[in-house]
Amino acid sequence: FILAQGEEQGKVIGEVDEKTAGKCLTSIVHRAA
């Protein structure tokens, strides 16, 4: 989650990477499929 506008543009305010993905694992799937 990254700020795209304002003085702090580019600041990451939330991140889950591969090391912590086990806690926030989501699979993205096409609805029709």
PDB file of all heavy atoms in Angstrom:
ATOM      1  N   PHE A   1       0.864  -1.172   0.000  1.00  0.00           N
ATOM      2  CA  PHE A   1       0.000   0.000   0.000  1.00  0.00           C
ATOM      3  C   PHE A   1       0.901   1.221   0.000  1.00  0.00           C
ATOM      4  O   PHE A   1       1.700   1.419   0.932  1.00  0.00           O
ATOM      5  CB  PHE A   1      -0.909  -0.003   1.229  1.00  0.00           C
ATOM      6  CG  PHE A   1      -1.877  -1.157   1.270  1.00  0.00           C
ATOM      7  CD1 PHE A   1      -1.542  -2.340   1.905  1.00  0.00           C
ATOM      8  CD2 PHE A   1      -3.121  -1.060   0.669  1.00  0.00           C
ATOM      9  CE1 PHE A   1      -2.425  -3.411   1.943  1.00  0.00           C
ATOM     10  CE2 PHE A   1      -4.012  -2.123   0.697  1.00  0.00           C
ATOM     11  CZ  PHE A   1      -3.665  -3.306   1.339  1.00  0.00           C
ATOM     12  N   ILE A   2       0.785   2.056  -1.036  1.00  0.00           N
ATOM     13  CA  ILE A   2       1.735   3.148  -1.248  1.00  0.00           C
ATOM     14  C   ILE A   2       0.989   4.454  -1.490  1.00  0.00           C
ATOM     15  O   ILE A   2      -0.018   4.485  -2.213  1.00  0.00           O
ATOM     16  CB  ILE A   2       2.636   2.853  -2.467  1.00  0.00           C
ATOM     17  CG1 ILE A   2       3.252   1.449  -2.354  1.00  0.00           C
ATOM     18  CG2 ILE A   2       3.728   3.908  -2.609  1.00  0.00           C
ATOM     19  CD1 ILE A   2       3.997   1.008  -3.592  1.00  0.00           C
ATOM     20  N   LEU A   3       1.485   5.545  -0.898  1.00  0.00           N
ATOM     21  CA  LEU A   3       0.910   6.862  -1.155  1.00  0.00           C
ATOM     22  C   LEU A   3       1.307   7.330  -2.549  1.00  0.00           C
ATOM     23  O   LEU A   3       2.483   7.280  -2.917  1.00  0.00           O
ATOM     24  CB  LEU A   3       1.404   7.869  -0.110  1.00  0.00           C
ATOM     25  CG  LEU A   3       1.019   7.587   1.347  1.00  0.00           C
ATOM     26  CD1 LEU A   3       1.592   8.674   2.256  1.00  0.00           C
ATOM     27  CD2 LEU A   3      -0.488   7.492   1.502  1.00  0.00           C
ATOM     28  N   ALA A   4       0.342   7.778  -3.319  1.00  0.00           N
ATOM     29  CA  ALA A   4       0.613   8.187  -4.695  1.00  0.00           C
ATOM     30  C   ALA A   4       0.580   9.698  -4.878  1.00  0.00           C
ATOM     31  O   ALA A   4       0.938  10.196  -5.941  1.00  0.00           O
ATOM     32  CB  ALA A   4      -0.412   7.550  -5.642  1.00  0.00           C
ATOM     33  N   GLN A   5       0.163  10.445  -3.855  1.00  0.00           N
ATOM     34  CA  GLN A   5       0.072  11.902  -3.972  1.00  0.00           C
ATOM     35  C   GLN A   5       0.511  12.557  -2.669  1.00  0.00           C
ATOM     36  O   GLN A   5       0.593  11.911  -1.618  1.00  0.00           O
ATOM     37  CB  GLN A   5      -1.365  12.337  -4.292  1.00  0.00           C
ATOM     38  CG  GLN A   5      -1.784  12.063  -5.733  1.00  0.00           C
ATOM     39  CD  GLN A   5      -3.171  12.593  -6.013  1.00  0.00           C
ATOM     40  OE1 GLN A   5      -4.155  11.909  -5.767  1.00  0.00           O
ATOM     41  NE2 GLN A   5      -3.261  13.809  -6.531  1.00  0.00           N
ATOM     42  N   GLY A   6       0.779  13.837  -2.757  1.00  0.00           N
ATOM     43  CA  GLY A   6       1.142  14.606  -1.581  1.00  0.00           C
ATOM     44  C   GLY A   6       2.637  14.646  -1.334  1.00  0.00           C
ATOM     45  O   GLY A   6       3.439  14.100  -2.098  1.00  0.00           O
ATOM     46  N   GLU A   7       3.033  15.288  -0.222  1.00  0.00           N
ATOM     47  CA  GLU A   7       4.448  15.470   0.103  1.00  0.00           C
ATOM     48  C   GLU A   7       5.157  14.146   0.363  1.00  0.00           C
ATOM     49  O   GLU A   7       6.375  14.043   0.189  1.00  0.00           O
ATOM     50  CB  GLU A   7       4.583  16.386   1.322  1.00  0.00           C
ATOM     51  CG  GLU A   7       4.099  17.805   1.079  1.00  0.00           C
ATOM     52  CD  GLU A   7       4.251  18.682   2.300  1.00  0.00           C
ATOM     53  OE1 GLU A   7       4.717  18.163   3.336  1.00  0.00           O
ATOM     54  OE2 GLU A   7       3.917  19.888   2.223  1.00  0.00           O
ATOM     55  N   GLU A   8       4.421  13.139   0.807  1.00  0.00           N
ATOM     56  CA  GLU A   8       5.030  11.841   1.129  1.00  0.00           C
ATOM     57  C   GLU A   8       4.783  10.813   0.021  1.00  0.00           C
ATOM     58  O   GLU A   8       4.734   9.621   0.276  1.00  0.00           O
ATOM     59  CB  GLU A   8       4.484  11.343   2.473  1.00  0.00           C
ATOM     60  CG  GLU A   8       4.871  12.253   3.618  1.00  0.00           C
ATOM     61  CD  GLU A   8       4.171  11.889   4.916  1.00  0.00           C
ATOM     62  OE1 GLU A   8       2.987  12.227   5.057  1.00  0.00           O
ATOM     63  OE2 GLU A   8       4.831  11.276   5.779  1.00  0.00           O
ATOM     64  N   GLN A   9       4.654  11.313  -1.182  1.00  0.00           N
ATOM     65  CA  GLN A   9       4.428  10.447  -2.342  1.00  0.00           C
ATOM     66  C   GLN A   9       5.495   9.356  -2.415  1.00  0.00           C
ATOM     67  O   GLN A   9       6.686   9.629  -2.291  1.00  0.00           O
ATOM     68  CB  GLN A   9       4.476  11.297  -3.614  1.00  0.00           C
ATOM     69  CG  GLN A   9       4.118  10.549  -4.885  1.00  0.00           C
ATOM     70  CD  GLN A   9       4.210  11.464  -6.101  1.00  0.00           C
ATOM     71  OE1 GLN A   9       5.265  11.567  -6.719  1.00  0.00           O
ATOM     72  NE2 GLN A   9       3.119  12.149  -6.411  1.00  0.00           N
ATOM     73  N   GLY A  10       5.048   8.130  -2.577  1.00  0.00           N
ATOM     74  CA  GLY A  10       5.959   7.001  -2.657  1.00  0.00           C
ATOM     75  C   GLY A  10       6.160   6.274  -1.339  1.00  0.00           C
ATOM     76  O   GLY A  10       6.787   5.205  -1.308  1.00  0.00           O
ATOM     77  N   LYS A  11       5.624   6.819  -0.236  1.00  0.00           N
ATOM     78  CA  LYS A  11       5.795   6.184   1.068  1.00  0.00           C
ATOM     79  C   LYS A  11       4.947   4.919   1.164  1.00  0.00           C
ATOM     80  O   LYS A  11       3.760   4.923   0.852  1.00  0.00           O
ATOM     81  CB  LYS A  11       5.405   7.149   2.197  1.00  0.00           C
ATOM     82  CG  LYS A  11       5.579   6.545   3.589  1.00  0.00           C
ATOM     83  CD  LYS A  11       5.258   7.553   4.687  1.00  0.00           C
ATOM     84  CE  LYS A  11       5.466   6.946   6.063  1.00  0.00           C
ATOM     85  NZ  LYS A  11       5.181   7.920   7.155  1.00  0.00           N
ATOM     86  N   VAL A  12       5.555   3.822   1.607  1.00  0.00           N
ATOM     87  CA  VAL A  12       4.842   2.562   1.810  1.00  0.00           C
ATOM     88  C   VAL A  12       4.240   2.582   3.208  1.00  0.00           C
ATOM     89  O   VAL A  12       4.962   2.705   4.204  1.00  0.00           O
ATOM     90  CB  VAL A  12       5.794   1.355   1.655  1.00  0.00           C
ATOM     91  CG1 VAL A  12       5.044   0.059   1.935  1.00  0.00           C
ATOM     92  CG2 VAL A  12       6.393   1.321   0.250  1.00  0.00           C
ATOM     93  N   ILE A  13       2.915   2.471   3.312  1.00  0.00           N
ATOM     94  CA  ILE A  13       2.269   2.501   4.628  1.00  0.00           C
ATOM     95  C   ILE A  13       1.745   1.122   5.038  1.00  0.00           C
ATOM     96  O   ILE A  13       1.170   0.970   6.120  1.00  0.00           O
ATOM     97  CB  ILE A  13       1.134   3.537   4.678  1.00  0.00           C
ATOM     98  CG1 ILE A  13      -0.012   3.157   3.743  1.00  0.00           C
ATOM     99  CG2 ILE A  13       1.664   4.916   4.363  1.00  0.00           C
ATOM    100  CD1 ILE A  13      -1.248   4.022   3.957  1.00  0.00           C
ATOM    101  N   GLY A  14       1.980   0.147   4.201  1.00  0.00           N
ATOM    102  CA  GLY A  14       1.613  -1.225   4.553  1.00  0.00           C
ATOM    103  C   GLY A  14       2.229  -2.183   3.556  1.00  0.00           C
ATOM    104  O   GLY A  14       2.182  -1.941   2.352  1.00  0.00           O
ATOM    105  N   GLU A  15       2.855  -3.254   4.050  1.00  0.00           N
ATOM    106  CA  GLU A  15       3.505  -4.196   3.129  1.00  0.00           C
ATOM    107  C   GLU A  15       3.579  -5.586   3.753  1.00  0.00           C
ATOM    108  O   GLU A  15       3.880  -5.740   4.933  1.00  0.00           O
ATOM    109  CB  GLU A  15       4.910  -3.723   2.786  1.00  0.00           C
ATOM    110  CG  GLU A  15       5.629  -4.641   1.816  1.00  0.00           C
ATOM    111  CD  GLU A  15       6.941  -4.060   1.326  1.00  0.00           C
ATOM    112  OE1 GLU A  15       7.421  -3.062   1.918  1.00  0.00           O
ATOM    113  OE2 GLU A  15       7.493  -4.597   0.350  1.00  0.00           O
ATOM    114  N   VAL A  16       3.265  -6.567   2.942  1.00  0.00           N
ATOM    115  CA  VAL A  16       3.463  -7.968   3.291  1.00  0.00           C
ATOM    116  C   VAL A  16       4.318  -8.564   2.187  1.00  0.00           C
ATOM    117  O   VAL A  16       3.933  -8.546   1.021  1.00  0.00           O
ATOM    118  CB  VAL A  16       2.135  -8.736   3.396  1.00  0.00           C
ATOM    119  CG1 VAL A  16       2.390 -10.199   3.734  1.00  0.00           C
ATOM    120  CG2 VAL A  16       1.238  -8.113   4.455  1.00  0.00           C
ATOM    121  N   ASP A  17       5.516  -9.077   2.531  1.00  0.00           N
ATOM    122  CA  ASP A  17       6.388  -9.655   1.519  1.00  0.00           C
ATOM    123  C   ASP A  17       6.366 -11.173   1.602  1.00  0.00           C
ATOM    124  O   ASP A  17       5.586 -11.765   2.347  1.00  0.00           O
ATOM    125  CB  ASP A  17       7.812  -9.110   1.650  1.00  0.00           C
ATOM    126  CG  ASP A  17       8.420  -9.389   3.018  1.00  0.00           C
ATOM    127  OD1 ASP A  17       7.956 -10.327   3.709  1.00  0.00           O
ATOM    128  OD2 ASP A  17       9.357  -8.677   3.414  1.00  0.00           O
ATOM    129  N   GLU A  18       7.227 -11.815   0.830  1.00  0.00           N
ATOM    130  CA  GLU A  18       7.236 -13.280   0.767  1.00  0.00           C
ATOM    131  C   GLU A  18       7.521 -13.917   2.127  1.00  0.00           C
ATOM    132  O   GLU A  18       7.027 -14.982   2.443  1.00  0.00           O
ATOM    133  CB  GLU A  18       8.265 -13.745  -0.258  1.00  0.00           C
ATOM    134  CG  GLU A  18       7.828 -13.503  -1.692  1.00  0.00           C
ATOM    135  CD  GLU A  18       8.800 -14.102  -2.677  1.00  0.00           C
ATOM    136  OE1 GLU A  18       9.917 -13.567  -2.792  1.00  0.00           O
ATOM    137  OE2 GLU A  18       8.451 -15.094  -3.312  1.00  0.00           O
ATOM    138  N   LYS A  19       8.311 -13.237   2.966  1.00  0.00           N
ATOM    139  CA  LYS A  19       8.662 -13.813   4.262  1.00  0.00           C
ATOM    140  C   LYS A  19       7.471 -13.871   5.203  1.00  0.00           C
ATOM    141  O   LYS A  19       7.368 -14.749   6.051  1.00  0.00           O
ATOM    142  CB  LYS A  19       9.781 -12.995   4.897  1.00  0.00           C
ATOM    143  CG  LYS A  19      11.104 -13.075   4.149  1.00  0.00           C
ATOM    144  CD  LYS A  19      12.167 -12.249   4.851  1.00  0.00           C
ATOM    145  CE  LYS A  19      13.492 -12.309   4.102  1.00  0.00           C
ATOM    146  NZ  LYS A  19      14.536 -11.478   4.755  1.00  0.00           N
ATOM    147  N   THR A  20       6.559 -12.899   5.062  1.00  0.00           N
ATOM    148  CA  THR A  20       5.403 -12.853   5.954  1.00  0.00           C
ATOM    149  C   THR A  20       4.099 -13.213   5.248  1.00  0.00           C
ATOM    150  O   THR A  20       3.032 -13.109   5.836  1.00  0.00           O
ATOM    151  CB  THR A  20       5.262 -11.438   6.560  1.00  0.00           C
ATOM    152  OG1 THR A  20       5.153 -10.489   5.493  1.00  0.00           O
ATOM    153  CG2 THR A  20       6.458 -11.102   7.419  1.00  0.00           C
ATOM    154  N   ALA A  21       4.195 -13.653   4.001  1.00  0.00           N
ATOM    155  CA  ALA A  21       2.981 -13.935   3.228  1.00  0.00           C
ATOM    156  C   ALA A  21       2.161 -15.066   3.821  1.00  0.00           C
ATOM    157  O   ALA A  21       0.969 -15.172   3.577  1.00  0.00           O
ATOM    158  CB  ALA A  21       3.341 -14.269   1.780  1.00  0.00           C
ATOM    159  N   GLY A  22       2.803 -15.912   4.630  1.00  0.00           N
ATOM    160  CA  GLY A  22       2.053 -16.994   5.250  1.00  0.00           C
ATOM    161  C   GLY A  22       0.961 -16.482   6.164  1.00  0.00           C
ATOM    162  O   GLY A  22      -0.040 -17.148   6.397  1.00  0.00           O
ATOM    163  N   LYS A  23       1.158 -15.265   6.686  1.00  0.00           N
ATOM    164  CA  LYS A  23       0.150 -14.681   7.558  1.00  0.00           C
ATOM    165  C   LYS A  23      -0.935 -13.969   6.757  1.00  0.00           C
ATOM    166  O   LYS A  23      -2.036 -13.730   7.260  1.00  0.00           O
ATOM    167  CB  LYS A  23       0.793 -13.685   8.528  1.00  0.00           C
ATOM    168  CG  LYS A  23      -0.195 -13.110   9.533  1.00  0.00           C
ATOM    169  CD  LYS A  23       0.462 -12.092  10.442  1.00  0.00           C
ATOM    170  CE  LYS A  23      -0.574 -11.499  11.398  1.00  0.00           C
ATOM    171  NZ  LYS A  23      -0.021 -10.468  12.271  1.00  0.00           N
ATOM    172  N   CYS A  24      -0.664 -13.595   5.547  1.00  0.00           N
ATOM    173  CA  CYS A  24      -1.619 -12.817   4.774  1.00  0.00           C
ATOM    174  C   CYS A  24      -1.767 -13.405   3.371  1.00  0.00           C
ATOM    175  O   CYS A  24      -1.720 -12.706   2.373  1.00  0.00           O
ATOM    176  CB  CYS A  24      -1.170 -11.362   4.697  1.00  0.00           C
ATOM    177  SG  CYS A  24      -2.419 -10.224   4.072  1.00  0.00           S
ATOM    178  N   LEU A  25      -1.887 -14.707   3.303  1.00  0.00           N
ATOM    179  CA  LEU A  25      -1.908 -15.383   2.020  1.00  0.00           C
ATOM    180  C   LEU A  25      -3.262 -15.217   1.331  1.00  0.00           C
ATOM    181  O   LEU A  25      -4.305 -15.481   1.918  1.00  0.00           O
ATOM    182  CB  LEU A  25      -1.617 -16.873   2.205  1.00  0.00           C
ATOM    183  CG  LEU A  25      -1.620 -17.723   0.939  1.00  0.00           C
ATOM    184  CD1 LEU A  25      -0.533 -17.248  -0.019  1.00  0.00           C
ATOM    185  CD2 LEU A  25      -1.406 -19.186   1.290  1.00  0.00           C
ATOM    186  N   THR A  26      -3.225 -14.755   0.098  1.00  0.00           N
ATOM    187  CA  THR A  26      -4.425 -14.615  -0.718  1.00  0.00           C
ATOM    188  C   THR A  26      -4.127 -15.169  -2.098  1.00  0.00           C
ATOM    189  O   THR A  26      -3.046 -14.955  -2.642  1.00  0.00           O
ATOM    190  CB  THR A  26      -4.840 -13.135  -0.851  1.00  0.00           C
ATOM    191  OG1 THR A  26      -5.168 -12.624   0.430  1.00  0.00           O
ATOM    192  CG2 THR A  26      -6.042 -12.990  -1.766  1.00  0.00           C
ATOM    193  N   SER A  27      -5.076 -15.872  -2.659  1.00  0.00           N
ATOM    194  CA  SER A  27      -4.975 -16.303  -4.044  1.00  0.00           C
ATOM    195  C   SER A  27      -5.947 -15.474  -4.873  1.00  0.00           C
ATOM    196  O   SER A  27      -7.104 -15.293  -4.482  1.00  0.00           O
ATOM    197  CB  SER A  27      -5.309 -17.792  -4.181  1.00  0.00           C
ATOM    198  OG  SER A  27      -4.283 -18.581  -3.633  1.00  0.00           O
ATOM    199  N   ILE A  28      -5.461 -14.954  -5.983  1.00  0.00           N
ATOM    200  CA  ILE A  28      -6.291 -14.172  -6.894  1.00  0.00           C
ATOM    201  C   ILE A  28      -6.745 -15.090  -8.013  1.00  0.00           C
ATOM    202  O   ILE A  28      -5.927 -15.769  -8.645  1.00  0.00           O
ATOM    203  CB  ILE A  28      -5.513 -12.975  -7.474  1.00  0.00           C
ATOM    204  CG1 ILE A  28      -4.923 -12.122  -6.352  1.00  0.00           C
ATOM    205  CG2 ILE A  28      -6.421 -12.136  -8.362  1.00  0.00           C
ATOM    206  CD1 ILE A  28      -5.937 -11.469  -5.459  1.00  0.00           C
ATOM    207  N   VAL A  29      -8.050 -15.118  -8.273  1.00  0.00           N
ATOM    208  CA  VAL A  29      -8.578 -16.028  -9.277  1.00  0.00           C
ATOM    209  C   VAL A  29      -9.613 -15.309 -10.134  1.00  0.00           C
ATOM    210  O   VAL A  29     -10.362 -14.455  -9.651  1.00  0.00           O
ATOM    211  CB  VAL A  29      -9.200 -17.286  -8.613  1.00  0.00           C
ATOM    212  CG1 VAL A  29     -10.416 -16.926  -7.760  1.00  0.00           C
ATOM    213  CG2 VAL A  29      -9.554 -18.338  -9.652  1.00  0.00           C
ATOM    214  N   HIS A  30      -9.616 -15.639 -11.421  1.00  0.00           N
ATOM    215  CA  HIS A  30     -10.597 -15.075 -12.337  1.00  0.00           C
ATOM    216  C   HIS A  30     -11.966 -15.662 -12.005  1.00  0.00           C
ATOM    217  O   HIS A  30     -12.142 -16.865 -11.866  1.00  0.00           O
ATOM    218  CB  HIS A  30     -10.213 -15.404 -13.781  1.00  0.00           C
ATOM    219  CG  HIS A  30     -10.900 -14.542 -14.797  1.00  0.00           C
ATOM    220  ND1 HIS A  30     -12.210 -14.710 -15.128  1.00  0.00           N
ATOM    221  CD2 HIS A  30     -10.443 -13.507 -15.538  1.00  0.00           C
ATOM    222  CE1 HIS A  30     -12.551 -13.811 -16.041  1.00  0.00           C
ATOM    223  NE2 HIS A  30     -11.494 -13.060 -16.295  1.00  0.00           N
ATOM    224  N   ARG A  31     -12.966 -14.785 -11.859  1.00  0.00           N
ATOM    225  CA  ARG A  31     -14.290 -15.201 -11.401  1.00  0.00           C
ATOM    226  C   ARG A  31     -14.917 -16.241 -12.332  1.00  0.00           C
ATOM    227  O   ARG A  31     -15.471 -17.251 -11.876  1.00  0.00           O
ATOM    228  CB  ARG A  31     -15.218 -13.992 -11.293  1.00  0.00           C
ATOM    229  CG  ARG A  31     -14.742 -12.927 -10.333  1.00  0.00           C
ATOM    230  CD  ARG A  31     -15.652 -11.721 -10.367  1.00  0.00           C
ATOM    231  NE  ARG A  31     -16.932 -12.021  -9.769  1.00  0.00           N
ATOM    232  CZ  ARG A  31     -17.247 -11.769  -8.503  1.00  0.00           C
ATOM    233  NH1 ARG A  31     -16.365 -11.209  -7.697  1.00  0.00           N
ATOM    234  NH2 ARG A  31     -18.439 -12.062  -8.033  1.00  0.00           N
ATOM    235  N   ALA A  32     -14.855 -15.976 -13.649  1.00  0.00           N
ATOM    236  CA  ALA A  32     -15.497 -16.876 -14.600  1.00  0.00           C
ATOM    237  C   ALA A  32     -14.870 -18.266 -14.574  1.00  0.00           C
ATOM    238  O   ALA A  32     -15.565 -19.285 -14.642  1.00  0.00           O
ATOM    239  CB  ALA A  32     -15.426 -16.289 -16.009  1.00  0.00           C
ATOM    240  N   ALA A  33     -13.531 -18.316 -14.460  1.00  0.00           N
ATOM    241  CA  ALA A  33     -12.841 -19.608 -14.427  1.00  0.00           C
ATOM    242  C   ALA A  33     -13.188 -20.389 -13.167  1.00  0.00           C
ATOM    243  O   ALA A  33     -13.386 -21.612 -13.203  1.00  0.00           O
ATOM    244  CB  ALA A  33     -11.333 -19.388 -14.516  1.00  0.00           C
TER     245      ALA A  33
END
